[in-house]
Amino acid sequence: MYLYKKLVFSVFVLTTLLIVSSFSPKPPALAISPLSAYGEEWNNAKYAVCNTAKNAKYLSASEKELIYILNLARINPKLFCKTVVAKYPIINNKGYLKNSNYYTSLVDTMSKLQPLKILAPDSLCYVSAQCHAYNSGLTGYTGHTRDTDKCEQLKHFYGECCDYGYSNPLDIIMALLIDDGVASLGHRYICLGDYTAIGVSIQPHKTYGTNAVMDFYY
């Protein structure tokens, strides 16, 4: 009889614990970062603040992700250097980058860079970027000059980056940060500049398949 009562009590306790645990709040899941493949550190919930464009309905998913990634690079440049910049050539079969002076100078820059302000999406910058990216794509144009009166009137930026041939957000960011062949490193300095707002448009391009325009504002 004693053993029977002990068994019943044990079953009761176990059942109670299961019921209670089923209603207990679970710890919040880690955010899945677009940079998670480069380091679990990026899944820390504190980096969710970098996803400033998540509610910008006028942006595509890729355009939102581009802003997210750029903000991650700006808010923690040293971690971005240690994880993304370090692993990017290997993960993306671009080992030749390791021998590039532009790549090594990026490592040097970002390993010393202090955190920067994150960028907020700006609709006027977006309209400016979208008009230029769309029209450049139609004609196969490369450069910053607006070739229509409409795009000239909509122009709204203090700094602008244009990229051709990439559609993946991280590839676009890395191409601009490495800035291969650009002696002034102008695109790198703009991406890591003291701006507060950004507009991004990724559009088809007649010659290069895809072009991205990023317009920055203070």
N, C-alpha and C. Protein backbone atom coordinates (compact mmCIF):
# COMPACT_ATOMS: atom_id res chain seq x y z
N MET A 1 0.84 -1.21 0.00
CA MET A 1 0.00 0.00 0.00
C MET A 1 0.87 1.26 0.00
N TYR A 2 1.96 1.20 0.77
CA TYR A 2 2.85 2.37 0.86
C TYR A 2 3.47 2.66 -0.51
N LEU A 3 3.93 1.58 -1.16
CA LEU A 3 4.55 1.75 -2.47
C LEU A 3 3.53 2.28 -3.48
N TYR A 4 2.29 1.84 -3.37
CA TYR A 4 1.24 2.28 -4.30
C TYR A 4 0.99 3.78 -4.13
N LYS A 5 0.86 4.22 -2.84
CA LYS A 5 0.62 5.64 -2.58
C LYS A 5 1.80 6.49 -3.06
N LYS A 6 3.01 5.97 -2.87
CA LYS A 6 4.20 6.71 -3.30
C LYS A 6 4.22 6.86 -4.81
N LEU A 7 3.81 5.79 -5.52
CA LEU A 7 3.78 5.83 -6.97
C LEU A 7 2.74 6.82 -7.45
N VAL A 8 1.55 6.82 -6.85
CA VAL A 8 0.48 7.75 -7.23
C VAL A 8 0.93 9.18 -7.01
N PHE A 9 1.59 9.43 -5.87
CA PHE A 9 2.06 10.79 -5.56
C PHE A 9 3.10 11.24 -6.59
N SER A 10 3.98 10.33 -6.97
CA SER A 10 5.02 10.68 -7.94
C SER A 10 4.40 11.03 -9.29
N VAL A 11 3.40 10.26 -9.70
CA VAL A 11 2.72 10.53 -10.97
C VAL A 11 2.02 11.88 -10.90
N PHE A 12 1.40 12.18 -9.75
CA PHE A 12 0.70 13.46 -9.57
C PHE A 12 1.67 14.64 -9.70
N VAL A 13 2.82 14.51 -9.03
CA VAL A 13 3.83 15.58 -9.07
C VAL A 13 4.34 15.78 -10.49
N LEU A 14 4.62 14.68 -11.20
CA LEU A 14 5.13 14.78 -12.56
C LEU A 14 4.11 15.43 -13.48
N THR A 15 2.83 15.03 -13.33
CA THR A 15 1.77 15.61 -14.16
C THR A 15 1.64 17.10 -13.90
N THR A 16 1.70 17.48 -12.62
CA THR A 16 1.60 18.90 -12.25
C THR A 16 2.73 19.71 -12.87
N LEU A 17 3.93 19.17 -12.80
CA LEU A 17 5.09 19.87 -13.36
C LEU A 17 4.96 20.04 -14.86
N LEU A 18 4.44 19.02 -15.53
CA LEU A 18 4.26 19.10 -16.98
C LEU A 18 3.24 20.16 -17.35
N ILE A 19 2.15 20.23 -16.57
CA ILE A 19 1.10 21.22 -16.83
C ILE A 19 1.63 22.63 -16.61
N VAL A 20 2.33 22.82 -15.50
CA VAL A 20 2.88 24.14 -15.18
C VAL A 20 3.88 24.58 -16.23
N SER A 21 4.76 23.64 -16.63
CA SER A 21 5.81 24.00 -17.60
C SER A 21 5.22 24.35 -18.95
N SER A 22 4.07 23.72 -19.28
CA SER A 22 3.46 24.01 -20.58
C SER A 22 2.91 25.42 -20.65
N PHE A 23 2.62 26.02 -19.49
CA PHE A 23 2.10 27.38 -19.46
C PHE A 23 3.16 28.41 -19.07
N SER A 24 4.35 27.94 -18.74
CA SER A 24 5.41 28.87 -18.35
C SER A 24 5.93 29.60 -19.58
N PRO A 25 6.20 30.88 -19.44
CA PRO A 25 6.71 31.64 -20.59
C PRO A 25 8.08 31.13 -21.02
N LYS A 26 8.24 30.97 -22.34
CA LYS A 26 9.52 30.51 -22.87
C LYS A 26 10.42 31.71 -23.13
N PRO A 27 11.72 31.53 -22.98
CA PRO A 27 12.63 32.64 -23.26
C PRO A 27 12.52 33.05 -24.72
N PRO A 28 12.64 34.33 -25.02
CA PRO A 28 12.50 34.79 -26.40
C PRO A 28 13.55 34.16 -27.30
N ALA A 29 13.13 33.78 -28.50
CA ALA A 29 14.05 33.18 -29.45
C ALA A 29 15.02 34.23 -29.97
N LEU A 30 16.21 33.78 -30.32
CA LEU A 30 17.19 34.70 -30.88
C LEU A 30 16.73 35.16 -32.25
N ALA A 31 16.98 36.41 -32.57
CA ALA A 31 16.64 36.93 -33.88
C ALA A 31 17.55 36.28 -34.92
N ILE A 32 17.00 36.02 -36.10
CA ILE A 32 17.80 35.46 -37.17
C ILE A 32 18.34 36.60 -38.01
N SER A 33 19.60 36.82 -37.94
CA SER A 33 20.25 37.94 -38.63
C SER A 33 20.62 37.56 -40.05
N PRO A 34 20.61 38.51 -40.98
CA PRO A 34 21.09 38.22 -42.34
C PRO A 34 22.58 37.88 -42.36
N LEU A 35 23.26 38.11 -41.23
CA LEU A 35 24.69 37.81 -41.14
C LEU A 35 24.96 36.58 -40.27
N SER A 36 23.93 35.81 -39.96
CA SER A 36 24.09 34.68 -39.04
C SER A 36 25.08 33.63 -39.57
N ALA A 37 25.21 33.52 -40.89
CA ALA A 37 26.15 32.56 -41.47
C ALA A 37 27.60 32.93 -41.18
N TYR A 38 27.82 34.17 -40.78
CA TYR A 38 29.18 34.66 -40.53
C TYR A 38 29.52 34.71 -39.04
N GLY A 39 28.53 34.49 -38.19
CA GLY A 39 28.80 34.50 -36.76
C GLY A 39 27.51 34.56 -35.96
N GLU A 40 27.39 33.68 -34.96
CA GLU A 40 26.19 33.64 -34.13
C GLU A 40 25.99 34.92 -33.34
N GLU A 41 27.06 35.68 -33.16
CA GLU A 41 26.96 36.93 -32.40
C GLU A 41 25.93 37.87 -33.01
N TRP A 42 25.77 37.78 -34.32
CA TRP A 42 24.84 38.69 -35.00
C TRP A 42 23.39 38.40 -34.68
N ASN A 43 23.11 37.22 -34.11
CA ASN A 43 21.74 36.88 -33.74
C ASN A 43 21.32 37.48 -32.40
N ASN A 44 22.23 38.15 -31.74
CA ASN A 44 21.90 38.81 -30.47
C ASN A 44 20.77 39.81 -30.69
N ALA A 45 19.78 39.76 -29.81
CA ALA A 45 18.59 40.61 -29.96
C ALA A 45 18.91 42.10 -29.98
N LYS A 46 20.07 42.49 -29.44
CA LYS A 46 20.40 43.91 -29.40
C LYS A 46 20.60 44.50 -30.80
N TYR A 47 20.87 43.63 -31.78
CA TYR A 47 21.10 44.12 -33.14
C TYR A 47 19.81 44.31 -33.93
N ALA A 48 18.67 43.96 -33.33
CA ALA A 48 17.39 44.16 -34.01
C ALA A 48 17.13 45.63 -34.32
N VAL A 49 17.74 46.51 -33.53
CA VAL A 49 17.58 47.95 -33.74
C VAL A 49 18.11 48.38 -35.10
N CYS A 50 18.98 47.58 -35.69
CA CYS A 50 19.56 47.91 -37.00
C CYS A 50 18.58 47.68 -38.15
N ASN A 51 17.52 46.95 -37.88
CA ASN A 51 16.53 46.66 -38.93
C ASN A 51 15.55 47.82 -39.06
N THR A 52 16.07 48.99 -39.34
CA THR A 52 15.26 50.21 -39.33
C THR A 52 14.23 50.28 -40.44
N ALA A 53 14.44 49.51 -41.50
CA ALA A 53 13.56 49.60 -42.67
C ALA A 53 12.47 48.54 -42.70
N LYS A 54 12.34 47.76 -41.63
CA LYS A 54 11.43 46.61 -41.67
C LYS A 54 9.98 47.00 -41.95
N ASN A 55 9.57 48.20 -41.57
CA ASN A 55 8.18 48.62 -41.78
C ASN A 55 8.02 49.60 -42.94
N ALA A 56 9.07 49.79 -43.73
CA ALA A 56 8.99 50.70 -44.88
C ALA A 56 8.35 49.95 -46.05
N LYS A 57 7.06 50.17 -46.25
CA LYS A 57 6.30 49.40 -47.23
C LYS A 57 6.73 49.64 -48.67
N TYR A 58 7.38 50.76 -48.92
CA TYR A 58 7.79 51.08 -50.29
C TYR A 58 9.07 50.36 -50.71
N LEU A 59 9.73 49.70 -49.76
CA LEU A 59 10.97 48.99 -50.05
C LEU A 59 10.73 47.50 -50.28
N SER A 60 11.51 46.91 -51.16
CA SER A 60 11.45 45.46 -51.36
C SER A 60 12.18 44.77 -50.22
N ALA A 61 12.02 43.45 -50.13
CA ALA A 61 12.70 42.69 -49.08
C ALA A 61 14.22 42.83 -49.19
N SER A 62 14.73 42.81 -50.41
CA SER A 62 16.18 42.95 -50.60
C SER A 62 16.68 44.33 -50.22
N GLU A 63 15.89 45.35 -50.52
CA GLU A 63 16.28 46.72 -50.17
C GLU A 63 16.29 46.92 -48.66
N LYS A 64 15.31 46.32 -47.98
CA LYS A 64 15.28 46.37 -46.52
C LYS A 64 16.50 45.66 -45.93
N GLU A 65 16.82 44.51 -46.50
CA GLU A 65 17.96 43.73 -45.99
C GLU A 65 19.27 44.47 -46.20
N LEU A 66 19.38 45.18 -47.32
CA LEU A 66 20.60 45.94 -47.58
C LEU A 66 20.83 46.99 -46.51
N ILE A 67 19.76 47.71 -46.15
CA ILE A 67 19.87 48.72 -45.09
C ILE A 67 20.21 48.07 -43.76
N TYR A 68 19.59 46.94 -43.48
CA TYR A 68 19.84 46.18 -42.25
C TYR A 68 21.33 45.82 -42.16
N ILE A 69 21.88 45.25 -43.23
CA ILE A 69 23.28 44.82 -43.22
C ILE A 69 24.22 46.01 -43.07
N LEU A 70 23.94 47.08 -43.80
CA LEU A 70 24.80 48.26 -43.70
C LEU A 70 24.79 48.82 -42.28
N ASN A 71 23.62 48.81 -41.65
CA ASN A 71 23.54 49.28 -40.27
C ASN A 71 24.32 48.38 -39.31
N LEU A 72 24.29 47.09 -39.56
CA LEU A 72 25.08 46.16 -38.73
C LEU A 72 26.57 46.45 -38.87
N ALA A 73 26.99 46.72 -40.09
CA ALA A 73 28.40 47.05 -40.33
C ALA A 73 28.78 48.35 -39.64
N ARG A 74 27.85 49.29 -39.59
CA ARG A 74 28.12 50.60 -38.99
C ARG A 74 28.10 50.55 -37.46
N ILE A 75 27.19 49.77 -36.90
CA ILE A 75 27.04 49.78 -35.44
C ILE A 75 28.15 48.99 -34.74
N ASN A 76 28.70 48.00 -35.44
CA ASN A 76 29.81 47.22 -34.86
C ASN A 76 30.82 46.88 -35.96
N PRO A 77 31.56 47.87 -36.41
CA PRO A 77 32.50 47.64 -37.52
C PRO A 77 33.59 46.62 -37.20
N LYS A 78 34.02 46.56 -35.96
CA LYS A 78 35.07 45.60 -35.60
C LYS A 78 34.57 44.16 -35.71
N LEU A 79 33.35 43.91 -35.24
CA LEU A 79 32.77 42.57 -35.35
C LEU A 79 32.50 42.24 -36.82
N PHE A 80 32.03 43.21 -37.57
CA PHE A 80 31.79 43.00 -39.00
C PHE A 80 33.09 42.62 -39.70
N CYS A 81 34.16 43.27 -39.31
CA CYS A 81 35.47 42.98 -39.90
C CYS A 81 35.93 41.57 -39.53
N LYS A 82 35.78 41.22 -38.26
CA LYS A 82 36.26 39.93 -37.75
C LYS A 82 35.47 38.75 -38.31
N THR A 83 34.20 38.98 -38.61
CA THR A 83 33.33 37.89 -39.06
C THR A 83 33.06 37.97 -40.56
N VAL A 84 32.36 38.99 -40.99
CA VAL A 84 31.92 39.08 -42.39
C VAL A 84 33.10 39.32 -43.34
N VAL A 85 33.84 40.38 -43.09
CA VAL A 85 34.96 40.70 -44.00
C VAL A 85 35.97 39.56 -44.04
N ALA A 86 36.24 38.97 -42.89
CA ALA A 86 37.23 37.88 -42.82
C ALA A 86 36.77 36.63 -43.56
N LYS A 87 35.49 36.30 -43.46
CA LYS A 87 34.99 35.04 -44.02
C LYS A 87 34.40 35.18 -45.42
N TYR A 88 34.09 36.40 -45.83
CA TYR A 88 33.41 36.62 -47.11
C TYR A 88 34.15 35.99 -48.30
N PRO A 89 35.47 36.16 -48.43
CA PRO A 89 36.16 35.56 -49.58
C PRO A 89 36.04 34.04 -49.63
N ILE A 90 36.05 33.40 -48.47
CA ILE A 90 36.00 31.94 -48.42
C ILE A 90 34.58 31.44 -48.69
N ILE A 91 33.61 31.99 -47.99
CA ILE A 91 32.22 31.54 -48.12
C ILE A 91 31.70 31.76 -49.54
N ASN A 92 32.16 32.81 -50.19
CA ASN A 92 31.63 33.18 -51.51
C ASN A 92 32.59 32.85 -52.66
N ASN A 93 33.55 31.96 -52.39
CA ASN A 93 34.50 31.51 -53.43
C ASN A 93 35.20 32.68 -54.12
N LYS A 94 35.61 33.64 -53.32
CA LYS A 94 36.33 34.81 -53.85
C LYS A 94 37.68 34.95 -53.15
N GLY A 95 38.40 33.84 -53.13
CA GLY A 95 39.68 33.82 -52.45
C GLY A 95 40.67 34.84 -52.97
N TYR A 96 40.50 35.23 -54.24
CA TYR A 96 41.40 36.22 -54.84
C TYR A 96 41.38 37.55 -54.10
N LEU A 97 40.29 37.82 -53.37
CA LEU A 97 40.20 39.09 -52.65
C LEU A 97 41.30 39.22 -51.60
N LYS A 98 41.74 38.10 -51.06
CA LYS A 98 42.76 38.13 -50.01
C LYS A 98 44.05 38.80 -50.48
N ASN A 99 44.27 38.78 -51.80
CA ASN A 99 45.49 39.37 -52.36
C ASN A 99 45.28 40.79 -52.86
N SER A 100 44.09 41.33 -52.63
CA SER A 100 43.76 42.67 -53.11
C SER A 100 44.12 43.73 -52.07
N ASN A 101 44.80 44.77 -52.50
CA ASN A 101 45.12 45.88 -51.60
C ASN A 101 43.87 46.59 -51.11
N TYR A 102 42.83 46.58 -51.95
CA TYR A 102 41.57 47.22 -51.56
C TYR A 102 40.91 46.44 -50.43
N TYR A 103 40.99 45.11 -50.51
CA TYR A 103 40.42 44.26 -49.45
C TYR A 103 41.20 44.44 -48.15
N THR A 104 42.52 44.39 -48.23
CA THR A 104 43.33 44.52 -47.01
C THR A 104 43.19 45.90 -46.39
N SER A 105 42.98 46.92 -47.22
CA SER A 105 42.78 48.26 -46.66
C SER A 105 41.43 48.36 -45.96
N LEU A 106 40.44 47.59 -46.45
CA LEU A 106 39.13 47.56 -45.78
C LEU A 106 39.27 46.91 -44.41
N VAL A 107 40.03 45.83 -44.34
CA VAL A 107 40.29 45.17 -43.06
C VAL A 107 40.93 46.16 -42.09
N ASP A 108 41.90 46.89 -42.57
CA ASP A 108 42.59 47.87 -41.73
C ASP A 108 41.64 48.97 -41.26
N THR A 109 40.79 49.45 -42.17
CA THR A 109 39.85 50.52 -41.84
C THR A 109 38.84 50.08 -40.80
N MET A 110 38.19 48.93 -41.04
CA MET A 110 37.10 48.51 -40.18
C MET A 110 37.58 47.96 -38.84
N SER A 111 38.79 47.47 -38.79
CA SER A 111 39.32 46.96 -37.52
C SER A 111 39.62 48.09 -36.54
N LYS A 112 39.70 49.32 -37.06
CA LYS A 112 40.00 50.48 -36.22
C LYS A 112 38.80 51.42 -36.06
N LEU A 113 37.76 51.19 -36.85
CA LEU A 113 36.63 52.12 -36.89
C LEU A 113 35.76 52.02 -35.64
N GLN A 114 35.36 53.17 -35.12
CA GLN A 114 34.44 53.23 -33.99
C GLN A 114 33.00 53.12 -34.49
N PRO A 115 32.06 52.68 -33.64
CA PRO A 115 30.66 52.56 -34.05
C PRO A 115 30.11 53.86 -34.62
N LEU A 116 29.26 53.70 -35.65
CA LEU A 116 28.63 54.83 -36.32
C LEU A 116 27.13 54.83 -36.07
N LYS A 117 26.49 55.94 -36.33
CA LYS A 117 25.04 56.02 -36.21
C LYS A 117 24.39 55.10 -37.24
N ILE A 118 23.28 54.48 -36.85
CA ILE A 118 22.55 53.67 -37.81
C ILE A 118 21.72 54.58 -38.71
N LEU A 119 21.39 54.09 -39.90
CA LEU A 119 20.68 54.86 -40.90
C LEU A 119 19.19 54.55 -40.87
N ALA A 120 18.38 55.57 -40.98
CA ALA A 120 16.93 55.40 -41.06
C ALA A 120 16.50 55.51 -42.52
N PRO A 121 15.51 54.72 -42.93
CA PRO A 121 15.03 54.84 -44.31
C PRO A 121 14.33 56.17 -44.53
N ASP A 122 14.57 56.77 -45.67
CA ASP A 122 13.99 58.08 -45.99
C ASP A 122 13.27 57.97 -47.33
N SER A 123 11.99 58.33 -47.37
CA SER A 123 11.20 58.16 -48.58
C SER A 123 11.66 59.07 -49.72
N LEU A 124 12.13 60.28 -49.39
CA LEU A 124 12.62 61.18 -50.44
C LEU A 124 13.91 60.65 -51.06
N CYS A 125 14.77 60.11 -50.22
CA CYS A 125 16.00 59.49 -50.73
C CYS A 125 15.66 58.26 -51.58
N TYR A 126 14.64 57.53 -51.16
CA TYR A 126 14.22 56.35 -51.93
C TYR A 126 13.73 56.75 -53.31
N VAL A 127 12.87 57.76 -53.39
CA VAL A 127 12.33 58.21 -54.67
C VAL A 127 13.47 58.67 -55.59
N SER A 128 14.43 59.35 -55.00
CA SER A 128 15.61 59.80 -55.75
C SER A 128 16.39 58.60 -56.31
N ALA A 129 16.65 57.62 -55.45
CA ALA A 129 17.41 56.44 -55.86
C ALA A 129 16.63 55.59 -56.86
N GLN A 130 15.34 55.45 -56.63
CA GLN A 130 14.51 54.60 -57.49
C GLN A 130 14.43 55.14 -58.91
N CYS A 131 14.26 56.45 -59.04
CA CYS A 131 14.17 57.06 -60.36
C CYS A 131 15.46 56.84 -61.13
N HIS A 132 16.58 57.04 -60.46
CA HIS A 132 17.88 56.90 -61.13
C HIS A 132 18.18 55.44 -61.47
N ALA A 133 17.89 54.53 -60.53
CA ALA A 133 18.16 53.11 -60.78
C ALA A 133 17.29 52.58 -61.92
N TYR A 134 16.03 52.99 -61.93
CA TYR A 134 15.10 52.51 -62.97
C TYR A 134 15.52 53.01 -64.35
N ASN A 135 15.79 54.31 -64.46
CA ASN A 135 16.15 54.88 -65.75
C ASN A 135 17.53 54.44 -66.22
N SER A 136 18.46 54.28 -65.30
CA SER A 136 19.78 53.76 -65.66
C SER A 136 19.66 52.34 -66.20
N GLY A 137 18.78 51.57 -65.59
CA GLY A 137 18.57 50.20 -66.03
C GLY A 137 18.00 50.11 -67.43
N LEU A 138 17.09 51.01 -67.75
CA LEU A 138 16.47 51.00 -69.08
C LEU A 138 17.47 51.26 -70.19
N THR A 139 18.38 52.18 -69.95
CA THR A 139 19.33 52.61 -70.99
C THR A 139 20.69 51.92 -70.90
N GLY A 140 20.98 51.28 -69.77
CA GLY A 140 22.29 50.67 -69.57
C GLY A 140 23.32 51.66 -69.09
N TYR A 141 22.86 52.80 -68.58
CA TYR A 141 23.75 53.87 -68.13
C TYR A 141 24.46 53.49 -66.82
N THR A 142 25.70 53.96 -66.67
CA THR A 142 26.41 53.84 -65.40
C THR A 142 26.92 55.22 -65.01
N GLY A 143 26.74 55.57 -63.75
CA GLY A 143 27.18 56.89 -63.29
C GLY A 143 26.12 57.56 -62.45
N HIS A 144 26.34 58.82 -62.13
CA HIS A 144 25.47 59.54 -61.20
C HIS A 144 24.62 60.63 -61.85
N THR A 145 24.91 60.99 -63.09
CA THR A 145 24.17 62.06 -63.76
C THR A 145 22.76 61.61 -64.09
N ARG A 146 21.78 62.43 -63.72
CA ARG A 146 20.38 62.13 -64.05
C ARG A 146 20.14 62.45 -65.51
N ASP A 147 19.57 61.48 -66.24
CA ASP A 147 19.37 61.69 -67.68
C ASP A 147 17.94 62.07 -68.04
N THR A 148 17.10 62.31 -67.03
CA THR A 148 15.75 62.81 -67.30
C THR A 148 15.47 63.99 -66.37
N ASP A 149 14.59 64.88 -66.83
CA ASP A 149 14.22 66.04 -66.01
C ASP A 149 13.55 65.59 -64.71
N LYS A 150 12.74 64.52 -64.82
CA LYS A 150 12.03 64.03 -63.65
C LYS A 150 13.01 63.58 -62.57
N CYS A 151 14.00 62.78 -62.96
CA CYS A 151 14.98 62.29 -61.99
C CYS A 151 15.82 63.43 -61.42
N GLU A 152 16.08 64.43 -62.24
CA GLU A 152 16.84 65.58 -61.76
C GLU A 152 16.05 66.33 -60.70
N GLN A 153 14.75 66.46 -60.91
CA GLN A 153 13.90 67.16 -59.94
C GLN A 153 13.74 66.36 -58.65
N LEU A 154 13.78 65.04 -58.76
CA LEU A 154 13.60 64.18 -57.59
C LEU A 154 14.90 63.91 -56.84
N LYS A 155 16.00 64.38 -57.37
CA LYS A 155 17.31 64.12 -56.78
C LYS A 155 17.36 64.64 -55.34
N HIS A 156 17.77 63.76 -54.41
CA HIS A 156 17.74 64.13 -52.99
C HIS A 156 18.82 63.32 -52.26
N PHE A 157 20.02 63.84 -52.22
CA PHE A 157 21.10 63.15 -51.51
C PHE A 157 22.30 64.07 -51.34
N TYR A 158 23.13 63.72 -50.34
CA TYR A 158 24.43 64.37 -50.16
C TYR A 158 25.56 63.42 -50.55
N GLY A 159 25.26 62.13 -50.56
CA GLY A 159 26.22 61.13 -50.99
C GLY A 159 25.48 60.02 -51.71
N GLU A 160 26.07 59.48 -52.76
CA GLU A 160 25.39 58.44 -53.54
C GLU A 160 26.37 57.35 -53.95
N CYS A 161 25.90 56.11 -53.84
CA CYS A 161 26.66 54.95 -54.30
C CYS A 161 25.83 54.20 -55.34
N CYS A 162 26.48 53.81 -56.42
CA CYS A 162 25.83 53.00 -57.45
C CYS A 162 26.64 51.72 -57.63
N ASP A 163 25.95 50.60 -57.71
CA ASP A 163 26.61 49.32 -57.90
C ASP A 163 25.95 48.59 -59.06
N TYR A 164 26.75 47.86 -59.82
CA TYR A 164 26.24 47.18 -61.00
C TYR A 164 26.64 45.71 -61.00
N GLY A 165 25.67 44.85 -61.28
CA GLY A 165 25.96 43.43 -61.44
C GLY A 165 25.58 42.54 -60.28
N TYR A 166 25.33 43.11 -59.12
CA TYR A 166 24.96 42.32 -57.94
C TYR A 166 23.50 42.57 -57.56
N SER A 167 22.83 41.50 -57.15
CA SER A 167 21.45 41.63 -56.65
C SER A 167 21.35 41.24 -55.18
N ASN A 168 22.32 40.47 -54.69
CA ASN A 168 22.33 40.06 -53.29
C ASN A 168 22.78 41.23 -52.41
N PRO A 169 22.01 41.57 -51.37
CA PRO A 169 22.34 42.74 -50.55
C PRO A 169 23.75 42.74 -49.97
N LEU A 170 24.22 41.60 -49.46
CA LEU A 170 25.56 41.57 -48.88
C LEU A 170 26.62 41.75 -49.95
N ASP A 171 26.41 41.17 -51.13
CA ASP A 171 27.37 41.34 -52.22
C ASP A 171 27.49 42.81 -52.61
N ILE A 172 26.35 43.50 -52.62
CA ILE A 172 26.36 44.93 -52.96
C ILE A 172 27.16 45.71 -51.92
N ILE A 173 26.88 45.45 -50.65
CA ILE A 173 27.57 46.16 -49.57
C ILE A 173 29.07 45.88 -49.61
N MET A 174 29.45 44.63 -49.79
CA MET A 174 30.87 44.28 -49.80
C MET A 174 31.58 44.88 -51.01
N ALA A 175 30.92 44.91 -52.16
CA ALA A 175 31.54 45.52 -53.35
C ALA A 175 31.82 46.99 -53.12
N LEU A 176 30.89 47.68 -52.48
CA LEU A 176 31.06 49.11 -52.23
C LEU A 176 32.08 49.38 -51.13
N LEU A 177 32.15 48.52 -50.13
CA LEU A 177 33.12 48.70 -49.06
C LEU A 177 34.54 48.38 -49.53
N ILE A 178 34.70 47.33 -50.31
CA ILE A 178 36.02 47.01 -50.86
C ILE A 178 36.43 48.08 -51.86
N ASP A 179 35.47 48.49 -52.71
CA ASP A 179 35.67 49.60 -53.66
C ASP A 179 36.86 49.34 -54.58
N ASP A 180 36.90 48.14 -55.11
CA ASP A 180 38.02 47.73 -55.97
C ASP A 180 38.17 48.64 -57.18
N GLY A 181 39.37 49.12 -57.40
CA GLY A 181 39.65 49.96 -58.56
C GLY A 181 39.34 51.43 -58.39
N VAL A 182 38.75 51.81 -57.26
CA VAL A 182 38.42 53.21 -57.01
C VAL A 182 39.46 53.78 -56.05
N ALA A 183 40.39 54.52 -56.60
CA ALA A 183 41.52 55.01 -55.80
C ALA A 183 41.10 55.88 -54.63
N SER A 184 40.03 56.64 -54.81
CA SER A 184 39.56 57.55 -53.75
C SER A 184 38.82 56.82 -52.63
N LEU A 185 38.41 55.57 -52.90
CA LEU A 185 37.58 54.79 -51.96
C LEU A 185 36.31 55.55 -51.60
N GLY A 186 35.79 56.30 -52.56
CA GLY A 186 34.63 57.14 -52.32
C GLY A 186 33.40 56.41 -51.84
N HIS A 187 33.13 55.23 -52.42
CA HIS A 187 31.95 54.46 -52.01
C HIS A 187 32.08 53.98 -50.57
N ARG A 188 33.29 53.54 -50.21
CA ARG A 188 33.52 53.08 -48.84
C ARG A 188 33.28 54.20 -47.84
N TYR A 189 33.83 55.37 -48.15
CA TYR A 189 33.70 56.49 -47.23
C TYR A 189 32.26 56.98 -47.12
N ILE A 190 31.51 56.85 -48.20
CA ILE A 190 30.09 57.24 -48.13
C ILE A 190 29.33 56.24 -47.26
N CYS A 191 29.53 54.94 -47.50
CA CYS A 191 28.82 53.92 -46.72
C CYS A 191 29.14 54.02 -45.23
N LEU A 192 30.34 54.47 -44.92
CA LEU A 192 30.76 54.59 -43.52
C LEU A 192 30.83 56.06 -43.09
N GLY A 193 30.07 56.89 -43.77
CA GLY A 193 30.08 58.31 -43.48
C GLY A 193 29.11 58.70 -42.38
N ASP A 194 29.13 59.98 -42.04
CA ASP A 194 28.33 60.49 -40.92
C ASP A 194 26.92 60.88 -41.37
N TYR A 195 26.27 59.96 -42.08
CA TYR A 195 24.90 60.21 -42.55
C TYR A 195 23.90 59.64 -41.55
N THR A 196 22.65 60.05 -41.69
CA THR A 196 21.60 59.55 -40.79
C THR A 196 20.42 58.92 -41.53
N ALA A 197 20.34 59.15 -42.85
CA ALA A 197 19.19 58.67 -43.62
C ALA A 197 19.66 58.06 -44.94
N ILE A 198 18.85 57.15 -45.45
CA ILE A 198 19.22 56.45 -46.68
C ILE A 198 17.98 56.04 -47.48
N GLY A 199 18.14 56.03 -48.79
CA GLY A 199 17.14 55.47 -49.69
C GLY A 199 17.83 54.49 -50.61
N VAL A 200 17.23 53.34 -50.85
CA VAL A 200 17.85 52.28 -51.65
C VAL A 200 16.88 51.79 -52.70
N SER A 201 17.39 51.59 -53.91
CA SER A 201 16.57 50.96 -54.95
C SER A 201 17.43 49.99 -55.74
N ILE A 202 16.94 48.77 -55.89
CA ILE A 202 17.60 47.74 -56.68
C ILE A 202 16.70 47.45 -57.88
N GLN A 203 17.23 47.66 -59.08
CA GLN A 203 16.44 47.54 -60.30
C GLN A 203 17.18 46.74 -61.37
N PRO A 204 16.44 46.20 -62.35
CA PRO A 204 17.10 45.52 -63.47
C PRO A 204 17.97 46.51 -64.26
N HIS A 205 19.01 45.99 -64.90
CA HIS A 205 19.91 46.84 -65.69
C HIS A 205 20.18 46.18 -67.04
N LYS A 206 20.04 46.95 -68.09
CA LYS A 206 20.16 46.46 -69.46
C LYS A 206 21.50 45.77 -69.73
N THR A 207 22.55 46.31 -69.18
CA THR A 207 23.90 45.79 -69.45
C THR A 207 24.40 44.82 -68.39
N TYR A 208 24.20 45.17 -67.13
CA TYR A 208 24.78 44.40 -66.03
C TYR A 208 23.79 43.48 -65.32
N GLY A 209 22.56 43.47 -65.77
CA GLY A 209 21.56 42.60 -65.16
C GLY A 209 20.83 43.25 -63.99
N THR A 210 21.59 43.87 -63.10
CA THR A 210 21.03 44.52 -61.92
C THR A 210 21.85 45.75 -61.59
N ASN A 211 21.18 46.78 -61.08
CA ASN A 211 21.91 47.91 -60.52
C ASN A 211 21.24 48.37 -59.24
N ALA A 212 22.07 48.84 -58.32
CA ALA A 212 21.57 49.34 -57.04
C ALA A 212 22.04 50.77 -56.85
N VAL A 213 21.12 51.62 -56.40
CA VAL A 213 21.46 53.01 -56.10
C VAL A 213 21.13 53.27 -54.64
N MET A 214 22.08 53.84 -53.92
CA MET A 214 21.90 54.17 -52.50
C MET A 214 22.14 55.66 -52.32
N ASP A 215 21.12 56.37 -51.91
CA ASP A 215 21.22 57.82 -51.69
C ASP A 215 21.22 58.12 -50.19
N PHE A 216 22.21 58.87 -49.74
CA PHE A 216 22.42 59.17 -48.32
C PHE A 216 22.12 60.64 -48.03
N TYR A 217 21.63 60.88 -46.82
CA TYR A 217 21.28 62.25 -46.42
C TYR A 217 21.62 62.44 -44.94
N TYR A 218 21.79 63.71 -44.55
CA TYR A 218 22.07 64.04 -43.15
C TYR A 218 20.78 64.28 -42.39
